[in-house]
């Protein structure tokens, strides 16, 4: 059986709540999340349509947006509103439910992004 010393001394506390496993600070005061680097790329946003692994349903994917998580979430919300459908943001990729490639491209161009259609 492991002792408390073997676990690194990290114990749940009702004072602070959830603790970050990397810096061992409360999640609200976590310092390792603030030091995340911005994504790098060529500055071109690529929009594609995908149906693999989704039961034949189409999803519009937006990749290559050079923004942090908060800005990416906000952009995803704008795109979903423009298309009138749902979606999500996962691992730096915005997913909009349905085949809305043309509408997403025009919306991104109006927002000042360089956009290319990727895939067929």
Protein backbone atom coordinates (compact mmCIF):
# COMPACT_ATOMS: atom_id res chain seq x y z
CA UNK A 1 0.00 0.00 0.00
CA UNK A 2 1.29 3.47 -0.90
CA UNK A 3 1.84 6.02 1.79
CA UNK A 4 0.83 9.68 1.55
CA UNK A 5 4.47 10.61 0.89
CA UNK A 6 4.50 8.37 -2.21
CA UNK A 7 1.47 10.20 -3.62
CA UNK A 8 3.33 13.50 -3.55
CA UNK A 9 1.31 15.01 -0.72
CA UNK A 10 -1.52 16.05 -3.03
CA UNK A 11 -4.75 15.69 -1.10
CA UNK A 12 -8.22 16.92 -1.95
CA UNK A 13 -9.27 19.81 0.21
CA UNK A 14 -12.66 21.43 0.56
CA UNK A 15 -10.91 24.80 0.95
CA UNK A 16 -9.41 24.91 -2.53
CA UNK A 17 -11.41 22.23 -4.36
CA UNK A 18 -9.79 20.68 -7.43
CA UNK A 19 -6.00 20.80 -7.60
CA UNK A 20 -3.88 20.96 -10.76
CA UNK A 21 -1.74 17.81 -10.97
CA UNK A 22 1.14 19.62 -12.70
CA UNK A 23 1.72 22.66 -10.48
CA UNK A 24 -0.24 21.44 -7.40
CA UNK A 25 -2.11 24.71 -7.07
CA UNK A 26 -5.89 25.16 -6.95
CA UNK A 27 -7.32 25.14 -10.48
CA UNK A 28 -8.39 28.79 -10.15
CA UNK A 29 -4.78 29.81 -9.35
CA UNK A 30 -3.06 27.36 -11.70
CA UNK A 31 0.14 28.78 -13.19
CA UNK A 32 0.87 26.08 -15.77
CA UNK A 33 -2.31 26.83 -17.78
CA UNK A 34 -1.29 30.48 -18.21
CA UNK A 35 2.00 29.55 -19.86
CA UNK A 36 0.44 27.67 -22.78
CA UNK A 37 1.99 28.82 -26.06
CA UNK A 38 -0.23 30.06 -28.85
CA UNK A 39 -0.66 27.61 -31.73
CA UNK A 40 1.67 28.13 -34.66
CA UNK A 41 0.95 27.67 -38.33
CA UNK A 42 1.01 29.35 -41.71
CA UNK A 43 -1.87 31.70 -40.92
CA UNK A 44 -4.31 30.08 -43.33
CA UNK A 45 -7.58 28.73 -41.95
CA UNK A 46 -8.63 25.49 -43.63
CA UNK A 47 -12.30 24.52 -43.84
CA UNK A 48 -13.32 20.98 -44.76
CA UNK A 49 -16.27 18.59 -44.62
CA UNK A 50 -16.02 15.21 -42.94
CA UNK A 51 -18.36 12.24 -42.52
CA UNK A 52 -16.01 9.49 -41.26
CA UNK A 53 -16.97 7.91 -37.97
CA UNK A 54 -20.10 10.02 -37.64
CA UNK A 55 -22.76 7.66 -38.89
CA UNK A 56 -22.84 9.29 -42.33
CA UNK A 57 -23.65 12.73 -40.95
CA UNK A 58 -21.60 15.64 -42.29
CA UNK A 59 -19.57 17.93 -40.05
CA UNK A 60 -17.75 21.09 -41.14
CA UNK A 61 -14.23 21.31 -39.66
CA UNK A 62 -12.29 24.56 -39.21
CA UNK A 63 -8.56 24.05 -38.62
CA UNK A 64 -5.54 26.34 -38.39
CA UNK A 65 -7.03 29.29 -36.50
CA UNK A 66 -4.19 31.05 -34.65
CA UNK A 67 -5.97 31.90 -31.40
CA UNK A 68 -6.06 30.83 -27.78
CA UNK A 69 -8.83 28.62 -26.37
CA UNK A 70 -11.09 31.49 -25.29
CA UNK A 71 -10.92 33.21 -28.70
CA UNK A 72 -11.41 29.88 -30.45
CA UNK A 73 -14.53 29.18 -28.39
CA UNK A 74 -15.89 32.64 -29.21
CA UNK A 75 -15.20 32.15 -32.94
CA UNK A 76 -16.92 28.76 -32.79
CA UNK A 77 -19.96 30.37 -31.24
CA UNK A 78 -20.07 32.99 -34.03
CA UNK A 79 -19.80 30.32 -36.73
CA UNK A 80 -22.51 28.16 -35.16
CA UNK A 81 -24.81 31.20 -34.94
CA UNK A 82 -24.13 32.11 -38.58
CA UNK A 83 -24.95 28.56 -39.70
CA UNK A 84 -27.89 28.08 -37.36
CA UNK A 85 -26.60 24.77 -36.06
CA UNK A 86 -24.72 23.20 -33.17
CA UNK A 87 -21.13 22.21 -32.83
CA UNK A 88 -18.11 22.14 -30.54
CA UNK A 89 -14.45 23.09 -30.16
CA UNK A 90 -12.06 20.17 -29.61
CA UNK A 91 -8.25 20.20 -29.64
CA UNK A 92 -8.01 23.47 -31.56
CA UNK A 93 -10.53 22.37 -34.21
CA UNK A 94 -13.98 23.94 -34.55
CA UNK A 95 -16.69 21.45 -35.54
CA UNK A 96 -19.99 22.75 -36.92
CA UNK A 97 -22.76 20.21 -37.40
CA UNK A 98 -23.92 19.89 -40.99
CA UNK A 99 -22.50 20.73 -44.40
CA UNK A 100 -21.94 24.50 -44.07
CA UNK A 101 -18.55 24.86 -45.78
CA UNK A 102 -19.52 27.77 -48.06
CA UNK A 103 -21.27 29.69 -45.29
CA UNK A 104 -18.34 29.18 -42.88
CA UNK A 105 -15.83 30.35 -45.52
CA UNK A 106 -17.74 33.57 -46.22
CA UNK A 107 -18.19 34.25 -42.49
CA UNK A 108 -14.46 33.77 -41.80
CA UNK A 109 -13.51 35.99 -44.76
CA UNK A 110 -15.81 38.72 -43.44
CA UNK A 111 -14.01 38.43 -40.08
CA UNK A 112 -10.65 39.02 -41.82
CA UNK A 113 -9.18 35.51 -41.94
CA UNK A 114 -7.30 33.97 -44.87
CA UNK A 115 -9.40 30.92 -45.75
CA UNK A 116 -8.89 27.90 -48.01
CA UNK A 117 -11.24 25.06 -48.75
CA UNK A 118 -9.54 21.78 -47.85
CA UNK A 119 -10.53 18.36 -49.15
CA UNK A 120 -12.77 17.51 -52.08
